[in-house]
Amino acid sequence: MWERCMEATSRRTIDQASGRRANSRIEIAPLVNVPGDHYRGVVSIPPVNLTGGAASVQVTPAGGEADSIFALSANASRLSRFAREGGVLWLSQTVNGIADAVTILFRSQRPSLLAHAPRRGDDRIVWESSASGLSWIVLRSVPRVLAITSMRVELSAGTFQPEPAPGITIFRQSQRQTLAVTR
């Protein structure tokens, strides 16, 4: 299901060594002390249909100011994403290349469950978070303008500046759904 060394959501440099997969988890280690944009990650192959489903993953973020990213994308100019950088969580949607983002403080170093969920009744996309997987908090909700029938799930981590100790981002199977995607 996963293709290595790709990130369709940006024009950033993607380094060849991408990370390690084992036991329903993907570990991605950003580069240490390297200037410029450097991201590693995986993308679902083939695209998935999220009609009547959701995409979720448990994330243990990298350290320092390294980014941990969970995104759904149709292409580089049409996507929604969670991006965690330090103590800030970015909830963004990009439509026709124009990004609309909300940021919230998110200081927990514990693993967090994050989910993108299309809602049929009011036709919205929601960004949700949970500490336990039992109850979910809606962090953001917007009218759905992206087609959800052919999305790629992207998991990545990296840095945009030299980081002396970026740590490792760990993406794990969510207890709410299978790793990243349900239909």
N, C-alpha and C. Protein backbone atom coordinates (compact mmCIF):
# COMPACT_ATOMS: atom_id res chain seq x y z
N MET A 1 0.80 -1.20 0.00
CA MET A 1 0.00 0.00 0.00
C MET A 1 0.85 1.27 0.00
N TRP A 2 2.07 1.23 0.48
CA TRP A 2 2.88 2.44 0.64
C TRP A 2 4.00 2.50 -0.37
N GLU A 3 4.21 3.67 -0.94
CA GLU A 3 5.33 3.94 -1.84
C GLU A 3 6.30 4.83 -1.08
N ARG A 4 7.57 4.51 -1.11
CA ARG A 4 8.55 5.27 -0.34
C ARG A 4 9.04 6.51 -1.09
N CYS A 5 9.59 7.42 -0.33
CA CYS A 5 10.34 8.56 -0.86
C CYS A 5 9.51 9.49 -1.73
N MET A 6 8.28 9.71 -1.35
CA MET A 6 7.45 10.63 -2.13
C MET A 6 6.72 11.57 -1.19
N GLU A 7 6.48 12.77 -1.63
CA GLU A 7 5.57 13.67 -0.94
C GLU A 7 4.96 14.56 -2.01
N ALA A 8 3.75 14.26 -2.39
CA ALA A 8 3.11 14.96 -3.49
C ALA A 8 2.62 16.34 -3.07
N THR A 9 2.62 16.65 -1.78
CA THR A 9 2.01 17.89 -1.33
C THR A 9 2.95 19.09 -1.34
N SER A 10 4.19 18.92 -1.72
CA SER A 10 5.08 20.08 -1.74
C SER A 10 6.18 19.89 -2.76
N ARG A 11 6.94 20.93 -2.94
CA ARG A 11 8.08 20.87 -3.86
C ARG A 11 9.37 20.69 -3.08
N ARG A 12 9.28 20.28 -1.83
CA ARG A 12 10.45 20.11 -0.99
C ARG A 12 11.31 18.94 -1.45
N THR A 13 12.58 18.97 -1.06
CA THR A 13 13.48 17.87 -1.36
C THR A 13 13.05 16.65 -0.57
N ILE A 14 12.94 15.53 -1.23
CA ILE A 14 12.64 14.28 -0.54
C ILE A 14 13.88 13.41 -0.64
N ASP A 15 14.42 13.05 0.51
CA ASP A 15 15.64 12.27 0.54
C ASP A 15 15.35 10.80 0.30
N GLN A 16 16.30 10.10 -0.24
CA GLN A 16 16.09 8.72 -0.66
C GLN A 16 15.84 7.75 0.49
N ALA A 17 16.62 7.80 1.55
CA ALA A 17 16.37 6.89 2.67
C ALA A 17 15.13 7.39 3.39
N SER A 18 14.10 6.56 3.48
CA SER A 18 12.81 7.09 3.91
C SER A 18 12.37 6.70 5.31
N GLY A 19 12.79 5.65 5.84
CA GLY A 19 12.28 5.26 7.15
C GLY A 19 12.13 3.76 7.22
N ARG A 20 11.49 3.32 8.28
CA ARG A 20 11.41 1.90 8.54
C ARG A 20 9.98 1.55 8.87
N ARG A 21 9.52 0.40 8.37
CA ARG A 21 8.17 -0.08 8.63
C ARG A 21 8.24 -1.39 9.39
N ALA A 22 7.45 -1.49 10.47
CA ALA A 22 7.38 -2.74 11.23
C ALA A 22 6.16 -2.72 12.13
N ASN A 23 5.47 -3.85 12.24
CA ASN A 23 4.36 -4.01 13.19
C ASN A 23 3.36 -2.86 13.15
N SER A 24 2.81 -2.58 12.00
CA SER A 24 1.79 -1.54 11.84
C SER A 24 2.28 -0.16 12.24
N ARG A 25 3.56 0.10 12.11
CA ARG A 25 4.08 1.43 12.39
C ARG A 25 5.12 1.80 11.36
N ILE A 26 5.23 3.09 11.13
CA ILE A 26 6.21 3.63 10.21
C ILE A 26 7.03 4.65 10.98
N GLU A 27 8.35 4.48 10.99
CA GLU A 27 9.25 5.41 11.67
C GLU A 27 10.00 6.21 10.63
N ILE A 28 9.99 7.54 10.79
CA ILE A 28 10.67 8.41 9.85
C ILE A 28 11.60 9.33 10.64
N ALA A 29 12.89 9.28 10.31
CA ALA A 29 13.89 10.08 11.00
C ALA A 29 14.33 11.25 10.12
N PRO A 30 14.00 12.49 10.52
CA PRO A 30 14.51 13.64 9.78
C PRO A 30 16.04 13.71 9.85
N LEU A 31 16.63 14.37 8.87
CA LEU A 31 18.08 14.52 8.84
C LEU A 31 18.56 15.44 9.97
N VAL A 32 19.77 15.19 10.47
CA VAL A 32 20.33 15.97 11.56
C VAL A 32 21.23 17.08 11.01
N ASN A 33 20.99 18.31 11.48
CA ASN A 33 21.84 19.48 11.17
C ASN A 33 22.08 19.71 9.68
N VAL A 34 21.05 19.60 8.87
CA VAL A 34 21.18 19.84 7.44
C VAL A 34 20.34 21.06 7.08
N PRO A 35 20.95 22.09 6.45
CA PRO A 35 20.16 23.27 6.08
C PRO A 35 19.23 22.99 4.90
N GLY A 36 18.17 23.77 4.79
CA GLY A 36 17.23 23.63 3.69
C GLY A 36 16.09 22.69 4.02
N ASP A 37 15.14 22.58 3.09
CA ASP A 37 13.99 21.70 3.24
C ASP A 37 14.37 20.26 2.94
N HIS A 38 14.20 19.38 3.91
CA HIS A 38 14.48 17.95 3.72
C HIS A 38 13.39 17.16 4.42
N TYR A 39 12.61 16.42 3.64
CA TYR A 39 11.50 15.63 4.16
C TYR A 39 11.59 14.21 3.65
N ARG A 40 11.17 13.27 4.48
CA ARG A 40 11.11 11.86 4.13
C ARG A 40 9.69 11.39 4.37
N GLY A 41 9.24 10.42 3.58
CA GLY A 41 7.89 9.97 3.83
C GLY A 41 7.42 8.87 2.92
N VAL A 42 6.16 8.52 3.11
CA VAL A 42 5.50 7.49 2.30
C VAL A 42 4.15 8.01 1.84
N VAL A 43 3.70 7.47 0.72
CA VAL A 43 2.41 7.83 0.13
C VAL A 43 1.68 6.54 -0.21
N SER A 44 0.37 6.51 0.03
CA SER A 44 -0.40 5.32 -0.30
C SER A 44 -0.49 5.14 -1.80
N ILE A 45 -0.31 3.92 -2.24
CA ILE A 45 -0.45 3.53 -3.64
C ILE A 45 -1.32 2.29 -3.64
N PRO A 46 -2.41 2.22 -4.31
CA PRO A 46 -3.06 3.24 -5.13
C PRO A 46 -3.81 4.24 -4.25
N PRO A 47 -4.40 5.29 -4.88
CA PRO A 47 -5.22 6.24 -4.12
C PRO A 47 -6.40 5.51 -3.47
N VAL A 48 -6.94 6.12 -2.42
CA VAL A 48 -8.06 5.52 -1.69
C VAL A 48 -9.33 6.35 -1.84
N ASN A 49 -10.45 5.70 -1.67
CA ASN A 49 -11.76 6.35 -1.71
C ASN A 49 -12.22 6.50 -0.27
N LEU A 50 -12.38 7.73 0.20
CA LEU A 50 -12.77 7.99 1.58
C LEU A 50 -14.28 8.19 1.74
N THR A 51 -15.06 7.90 0.70
CA THR A 51 -16.51 8.02 0.80
C THR A 51 -16.99 7.09 1.90
N GLY A 52 -17.66 7.64 2.89
CA GLY A 52 -18.17 6.84 4.00
C GLY A 52 -17.10 6.37 4.96
N GLY A 53 -15.88 6.87 4.85
CA GLY A 53 -14.79 6.44 5.71
C GLY A 53 -14.05 7.61 6.30
N ALA A 54 -12.88 7.34 6.81
CA ALA A 54 -12.04 8.37 7.40
C ALA A 54 -10.59 7.90 7.30
N ALA A 55 -9.68 8.80 7.51
CA ALA A 55 -8.26 8.46 7.56
C ALA A 55 -7.76 8.89 8.93
N SER A 56 -7.10 7.98 9.63
CA SER A 56 -6.59 8.31 10.95
C SER A 56 -5.28 7.60 11.20
N VAL A 57 -4.51 8.16 12.12
CA VAL A 57 -3.21 7.57 12.46
C VAL A 57 -2.82 8.08 13.85
N GLN A 58 -2.08 7.27 14.60
CA GLN A 58 -1.52 7.72 15.86
C GLN A 58 -0.12 8.25 15.57
N VAL A 59 0.18 9.43 16.08
CA VAL A 59 1.46 10.08 15.78
C VAL A 59 2.23 10.36 17.06
N THR A 60 3.47 9.90 17.11
CA THR A 60 4.42 10.33 18.13
C THR A 60 5.37 11.25 17.38
N PRO A 61 5.34 12.56 17.69
CA PRO A 61 6.08 13.52 16.88
C PRO A 61 7.59 13.45 17.05
N ALA A 62 8.28 13.92 16.02
CA ALA A 62 9.73 14.10 16.10
C ALA A 62 10.00 15.21 17.13
N GLY A 63 11.25 15.39 17.52
CA GLY A 63 11.59 16.39 18.52
C GLY A 63 11.94 17.73 17.91
N GLY A 64 12.32 18.66 18.75
CA GLY A 64 12.73 19.99 18.31
C GLY A 64 11.68 20.66 17.46
N GLU A 65 12.10 21.30 16.40
CA GLU A 65 11.19 21.97 15.49
C GLU A 65 10.95 21.15 14.23
N ALA A 66 11.28 19.87 14.25
CA ALA A 66 11.03 19.00 13.09
C ALA A 66 9.53 18.88 12.86
N ASP A 67 9.14 18.74 11.60
CA ASP A 67 7.73 18.61 11.22
C ASP A 67 7.33 17.14 11.15
N SER A 68 6.13 16.84 11.64
CA SER A 68 5.49 15.54 11.47
C SER A 68 4.20 15.81 10.70
N ILE A 69 4.01 15.18 9.53
CA ILE A 69 2.91 15.53 8.63
C ILE A 69 2.06 14.32 8.29
N PHE A 70 0.75 14.50 8.38
CA PHE A 70 -0.25 13.51 7.98
C PHE A 70 -1.19 14.24 7.03
N ALA A 71 -1.22 13.83 5.76
CA ALA A 71 -1.98 14.57 4.76
C ALA A 71 -2.82 13.64 3.88
N LEU A 72 -3.86 14.21 3.32
CA LEU A 72 -4.66 13.58 2.27
C LEU A 72 -4.56 14.48 1.07
N SER A 73 -4.16 13.93 -0.08
CA SER A 73 -3.98 14.80 -1.24
C SER A 73 -4.54 14.17 -2.51
N ALA A 74 -5.12 15.03 -3.33
CA ALA A 74 -5.50 14.64 -4.68
C ALA A 74 -4.31 14.91 -5.60
N ASN A 75 -3.63 16.03 -5.34
CA ASN A 75 -2.40 16.42 -6.02
C ASN A 75 -1.75 17.53 -5.21
N ALA A 76 -0.67 18.11 -5.71
CA ALA A 76 0.09 19.10 -4.95
C ALA A 76 -0.69 20.38 -4.69
N SER A 77 -1.76 20.64 -5.43
CA SER A 77 -2.50 21.88 -5.20
C SER A 77 -3.88 21.65 -4.59
N ARG A 78 -4.18 20.39 -4.22
CA ARG A 78 -5.48 20.06 -3.62
C ARG A 78 -5.26 19.03 -2.51
N LEU A 79 -5.25 19.51 -1.24
CA LEU A 79 -4.97 18.61 -0.13
C LEU A 79 -5.47 19.17 1.20
N SER A 80 -5.55 18.29 2.18
CA SER A 80 -5.76 18.72 3.57
C SER A 80 -4.69 18.03 4.40
N ARG A 81 -4.24 18.72 5.47
CA ARG A 81 -3.15 18.11 6.23
C ARG A 81 -3.08 18.60 7.67
N PHE A 82 -2.54 17.70 8.49
CA PHE A 82 -2.07 18.02 9.83
C PHE A 82 -0.57 18.18 9.69
N ALA A 83 0.00 19.21 10.30
CA ALA A 83 1.45 19.33 10.37
C ALA A 83 1.79 19.77 11.78
N ARG A 84 2.61 18.98 12.46
CA ARG A 84 3.00 19.32 13.82
C ARG A 84 4.45 19.77 13.80
N GLU A 85 4.68 20.96 14.34
CA GLU A 85 6.03 21.52 14.41
C GLU A 85 6.23 22.06 15.81
N GLY A 86 7.11 21.41 16.57
CA GLY A 86 7.28 21.81 17.96
C GLY A 86 5.95 21.67 18.69
N GLY A 87 5.51 22.75 19.33
CA GLY A 87 4.26 22.72 20.08
C GLY A 87 3.08 23.28 19.32
N VAL A 88 3.18 23.35 18.00
CA VAL A 88 2.09 23.91 17.19
C VAL A 88 1.57 22.86 16.22
N LEU A 89 0.25 22.75 16.14
CA LEU A 89 -0.40 21.87 15.19
C LEU A 89 -1.07 22.73 14.12
N TRP A 90 -0.70 22.52 12.86
CA TRP A 90 -1.26 23.24 11.73
C TRP A 90 -2.35 22.37 11.11
N LEU A 91 -3.52 22.93 10.91
CA LEU A 91 -4.64 22.25 10.26
C LEU A 91 -4.90 23.02 8.98
N SER A 92 -4.50 22.47 7.85
CA SER A 92 -4.57 23.25 6.62
C SER A 92 -5.30 22.52 5.52
N GLN A 93 -5.88 23.32 4.64
CA GLN A 93 -6.49 22.82 3.42
C GLN A 93 -5.98 23.69 2.28
N THR A 94 -5.53 23.05 1.22
CA THR A 94 -5.06 23.78 0.05
C THR A 94 -5.97 23.43 -1.11
N VAL A 95 -6.54 24.47 -1.73
CA VAL A 95 -7.44 24.29 -2.86
C VAL A 95 -6.92 25.15 -4.00
N ASN A 96 -6.67 24.51 -5.13
CA ASN A 96 -6.10 25.20 -6.31
C ASN A 96 -4.85 25.98 -5.96
N GLY A 97 -4.01 25.40 -5.09
CA GLY A 97 -2.73 26.00 -4.73
C GLY A 97 -2.79 27.06 -3.65
N ILE A 98 -3.99 27.39 -3.16
CA ILE A 98 -4.12 28.43 -2.13
C ILE A 98 -4.40 27.76 -0.79
N ALA A 99 -3.47 27.97 0.17
CA ALA A 99 -3.58 27.33 1.47
C ALA A 99 -4.39 28.18 2.44
N ASP A 100 -5.17 27.50 3.26
CA ASP A 100 -5.95 28.11 4.33
C ASP A 100 -5.63 27.30 5.57
N ALA A 101 -4.98 27.91 6.57
CA ALA A 101 -4.52 27.15 7.73
C ALA A 101 -4.97 27.78 9.03
N VAL A 102 -5.15 26.92 10.01
CA VAL A 102 -5.43 27.31 11.39
C VAL A 102 -4.35 26.66 12.23
N THR A 103 -3.84 27.38 13.21
CA THR A 103 -2.84 26.79 14.11
C THR A 103 -3.39 26.76 15.53
N ILE A 104 -3.00 25.72 16.25
CA ILE A 104 -3.36 25.62 17.66
C ILE A 104 -2.14 25.13 18.43
N LEU A 105 -2.03 25.54 19.71
CA LEU A 105 -0.97 25.02 20.56
C LEU A 105 -1.27 23.57 20.87
N PHE A 106 -0.27 22.74 20.81
CA PHE A 106 -0.44 21.30 20.98
C PHE A 106 0.83 20.79 21.64
N ARG A 107 0.96 20.94 22.93
CA ARG A 107 2.22 20.72 23.63
C ARG A 107 2.49 19.27 24.06
N SER A 108 1.51 18.40 24.04
CA SER A 108 1.70 17.05 24.53
C SER A 108 2.80 16.32 23.76
N GLN A 109 3.68 15.65 24.47
CA GLN A 109 4.70 14.81 23.83
C GLN A 109 4.23 13.36 23.74
N ARG A 110 3.04 13.08 24.33
CA ARG A 110 2.47 11.74 24.21
C ARG A 110 1.96 11.53 22.80
N PRO A 111 1.85 10.27 22.38
CA PRO A 111 1.25 10.02 21.07
C PRO A 111 -0.17 10.57 21.00
N SER A 112 -0.54 11.10 19.86
CA SER A 112 -1.87 11.67 19.65
C SER A 112 -2.51 10.99 18.46
N LEU A 113 -3.79 10.73 18.57
CA LEU A 113 -4.54 10.20 17.43
C LEU A 113 -5.07 11.38 16.64
N LEU A 114 -4.84 11.36 15.34
CA LEU A 114 -5.32 12.42 14.45
C LEU A 114 -6.15 11.79 13.36
N ALA A 115 -7.23 12.46 12.94
CA ALA A 115 -8.10 11.90 11.90
C ALA A 115 -8.63 12.99 10.99
N HIS A 116 -8.68 12.68 9.70
CA HIS A 116 -9.39 13.46 8.70
C HIS A 116 -10.68 12.69 8.44
N ALA A 117 -11.82 13.32 8.58
CA ALA A 117 -13.06 12.58 8.41
C ALA A 117 -14.05 13.37 7.56
N PRO A 118 -14.38 12.87 6.37
CA PRO A 118 -15.46 13.49 5.60
C PRO A 118 -16.78 13.22 6.31
N ARG A 119 -17.63 14.22 6.42
CA ARG A 119 -18.94 14.07 7.05
C ARG A 119 -20.01 14.21 5.99
N ARG A 120 -20.83 13.19 5.83
CA ARG A 120 -21.84 13.18 4.77
C ARG A 120 -22.97 14.17 5.01
N GLY A 121 -23.54 14.17 6.21
CA GLY A 121 -24.73 14.95 6.49
C GLY A 121 -24.61 16.42 6.13
N ASP A 122 -23.51 17.04 6.53
CA ASP A 122 -23.32 18.46 6.22
C ASP A 122 -22.19 18.67 5.22
N ASP A 123 -21.66 17.59 4.63
CA ASP A 123 -20.65 17.63 3.59
C ASP A 123 -19.46 18.51 3.98
N ARG A 124 -18.81 18.14 5.09
CA ARG A 124 -17.67 18.88 5.61
C ARG A 124 -16.48 17.93 5.78
N ILE A 125 -15.30 18.51 5.85
CA ILE A 125 -14.09 17.77 6.24
C ILE A 125 -13.75 18.25 7.64
N VAL A 126 -13.48 17.31 8.54
CA VAL A 126 -13.12 17.68 9.90
C VAL A 126 -11.73 17.14 10.23
N TRP A 127 -11.01 17.90 11.04
CA TRP A 127 -9.74 17.49 11.61
C TRP A 127 -10.05 17.19 13.07
N GLU A 128 -9.75 15.97 13.52
CA GLU A 128 -10.08 15.56 14.88
C GLU A 128 -8.84 15.05 15.59
N SER A 129 -8.90 15.09 16.93
CA SER A 129 -7.81 14.59 17.76
C SER A 129 -8.40 13.82 18.93
N SER A 130 -7.63 12.85 19.41
CA SER A 130 -8.05 12.06 20.57
C SER A 130 -6.81 11.59 21.32
N ALA A 131 -6.89 11.61 22.64
CA ALA A 131 -5.80 11.06 23.45
C ALA A 131 -5.97 9.56 23.62
N SER A 132 -7.22 9.08 23.64
CA SER A 132 -7.48 7.68 23.96
C SER A 132 -8.08 6.87 22.81
N GLY A 133 -8.67 7.54 21.83
CA GLY A 133 -9.39 6.86 20.77
C GLY A 133 -10.84 6.58 21.13
N LEU A 134 -11.23 6.90 22.36
CA LEU A 134 -12.60 6.69 22.81
C LEU A 134 -13.48 7.90 22.54
N SER A 135 -12.93 9.08 22.77
CA SER A 135 -13.68 10.30 22.47
C SER A 135 -12.81 11.19 21.60
N TRP A 136 -13.45 11.88 20.67
CA TRP A 136 -12.74 12.70 19.69
C TRP A 136 -13.15 14.15 19.83
N ILE A 137 -12.20 15.05 19.62
CA ILE A 137 -12.44 16.49 19.67
C ILE A 137 -12.27 17.04 18.27
N VAL A 138 -13.27 17.77 17.79
CA VAL A 138 -13.16 18.42 16.48
C VAL A 138 -12.29 19.66 16.65
N LEU A 139 -11.18 19.70 15.93
CA LEU A 139 -10.25 20.82 15.98
C LEU A 139 -10.57 21.87 14.92
N ARG A 140 -11.11 21.40 13.80
CA ARG A 140 -11.45 22.29 12.70
C ARG A 140 -12.46 21.59 11.81
N SER A 141 -13.33 22.36 11.19
CA SER A 141 -14.32 21.82 10.27
C SER A 141 -14.53 22.84 9.16
N VAL A 142 -14.48 22.38 7.91
CA VAL A 142 -14.68 23.27 6.76
C VAL A 142 -15.59 22.58 5.74
N PRO A 143 -16.29 23.37 4.92
CA PRO A 143 -17.07 22.75 3.84
C PRO A 143 -16.14 21.94 2.94
N ARG A 144 -16.60 20.76 2.52
CA ARG A 144 -15.78 19.91 1.66
C ARG A 144 -15.78 20.46 0.25
N VAL A 145 -14.59 20.79 -0.23
CA VAL A 145 -14.43 21.24 -1.62
C VAL A 145 -13.51 20.31 -2.40
N LEU A 146 -12.87 19.38 -1.70
CA LEU A 146 -11.98 18.42 -2.35
C LEU A 146 -12.74 17.13 -2.62
N ALA A 147 -12.51 16.55 -3.78
CA ALA A 147 -13.08 15.24 -4.07
C ALA A 147 -12.40 14.22 -3.18
N ILE A 148 -13.16 13.32 -2.58
CA ILE A 148 -12.58 12.35 -1.65
C ILE A 148 -12.55 10.94 -2.23
N THR A 149 -12.83 10.81 -3.50
CA THR A 149 -12.91 9.49 -4.11
C THR A 149 -11.56 8.95 -4.59
N SER A 150 -10.54 9.79 -4.66
CA SER A 150 -9.23 9.35 -5.12
C SER A 150 -8.14 10.17 -4.41
N MET A 151 -7.94 9.86 -3.13
CA MET A 151 -6.98 10.61 -2.31
C MET A 151 -5.77 9.72 -1.99
N ARG A 152 -4.64 10.35 -1.84
CA ARG A 152 -3.44 9.66 -1.38
C ARG A 152 -3.23 10.05 0.08
N VAL A 153 -2.89 9.07 0.89
CA VAL A 153 -2.56 9.31 2.29
C VAL A 153 -1.05 9.47 2.35
N GLU A 154 -0.60 10.57 2.95
CA GLU A 154 0.84 10.85 3.03
C GLU A 154 1.27 10.98 4.48
N LEU A 155 2.34 10.30 4.82
CA LEU A 155 2.95 10.39 6.14
C LEU A 155 4.39 10.82 5.92
N SER A 156 4.81 11.92 6.55
CA SER A 156 6.17 12.39 6.33
C SER A 156 6.70 13.13 7.55
N ALA A 157 8.00 13.31 7.57
CA ALA A 157 8.66 14.07 8.62
C ALA A 157 9.89 14.71 8.03
N GLY A 158 10.27 15.86 8.58
CA GLY A 158 11.46 16.52 8.07
C GLY A 158 11.71 17.85 8.73
N THR A 159 12.67 18.57 8.15
CA THR A 159 13.07 19.86 8.70
C THR A 159 13.24 20.87 7.57
N PHE A 160 13.10 22.14 7.93
CA PHE A 160 13.30 23.23 6.98
C PHE A 160 14.52 24.06 7.35
N GLN A 161 15.18 23.66 8.43
CA GLN A 161 16.37 24.36 8.92
C GLN A 161 17.23 23.33 9.66
N PRO A 162 18.51 23.63 9.95
CA PRO A 162 19.32 22.68 10.69
C PRO A 162 18.71 22.40 12.07
N GLU A 163 18.55 21.13 12.40
CA GLU A 163 18.05 20.70 13.71
C GLU A 163 19.06 19.74 14.32
N PRO A 164 19.61 20.07 15.50
CA PRO A 164 20.63 19.20 16.09
C PRO A 164 20.10 17.86 16.60
N ALA A 165 18.82 17.80 16.99
CA ALA A 165 18.25 16.55 17.51
C ALA A 165 16.79 16.43 17.09
N PRO A 166 16.53 16.14 15.80
CA PRO A 166 15.14 16.13 15.33
C PRO A 166 14.32 14.93 15.80
N GLY A 167 14.97 13.90 16.32
CA GLY A 167 14.24 12.73 16.79
C GLY A 167 13.65 11.91 15.66
N ILE A 168 12.65 11.09 15.98
CA ILE A 168 12.00 10.22 15.01
C ILE A 168 10.49 10.38 15.14
N THR A 169 9.81 10.54 14.02
CA THR A 169 8.35 10.54 14.04
C THR A 169 7.89 9.10 13.87
N ILE A 170 6.95 8.69 14.71
CA ILE A 170 6.40 7.33 14.62
C ILE A 170 4.92 7.44 14.30
N PHE A 171 4.51 6.84 13.20
CA PHE A 171 3.11 6.75 12.81
C PHE A 171 2.67 5.32 13.10
N ARG A 172 1.59 5.17 13.88
CA ARG A 172 1.09 3.84 14.25
C ARG A 172 -0.34 3.67 13.81
N GLN A 173 -0.72 2.41 13.70
CA GLN A 173 -2.10 2.08 13.40
C GLN A 173 -3.01 2.68 14.46
N SER A 174 -4.06 3.35 14.03
CA SER A 174 -5.04 3.90 14.94
C SER A 174 -5.95 2.78 15.41
N GLN A 175 -6.41 2.85 16.66
CA GLN A 175 -7.37 1.86 17.13
C GLN A 175 -8.76 2.14 16.57
N ARG A 176 -8.96 3.35 16.07
CA ARG A 176 -10.25 3.70 15.48
C ARG A 176 -10.42 3.05 14.12
N GLN A 177 -9.34 2.98 13.36
CA GLN A 177 -9.35 2.37 12.05
C GLN A 177 -8.02 1.68 11.80
N THR A 178 -7.90 1.02 10.68
CA THR A 178 -6.62 0.47 10.27
C THR A 178 -5.68 1.62 9.94
N LEU A 179 -4.40 1.36 9.83
CA LEU A 179 -3.43 2.42 9.62
C LEU A 179 -3.86 3.30 8.46
N ALA A 180 -4.19 4.51 8.80
CA ALA A 180 -4.47 5.60 7.90
C ALA A 180 -5.81 5.54 7.18
N VAL A 181 -6.31 4.39 6.74
CA VAL A 181 -7.48 4.45 5.86
C VAL A 181 -8.53 3.41 6.21
N THR A 182 -9.79 3.82 6.19
CA THR A 182 -10.90 2.88 6.20
C THR A 182 -11.82 3.25 5.07
N ARG A 183 -12.59 2.30 4.62
CA ARG A 183 -13.55 2.58 3.54
C ARG A 183 -14.93 2.22 4.00
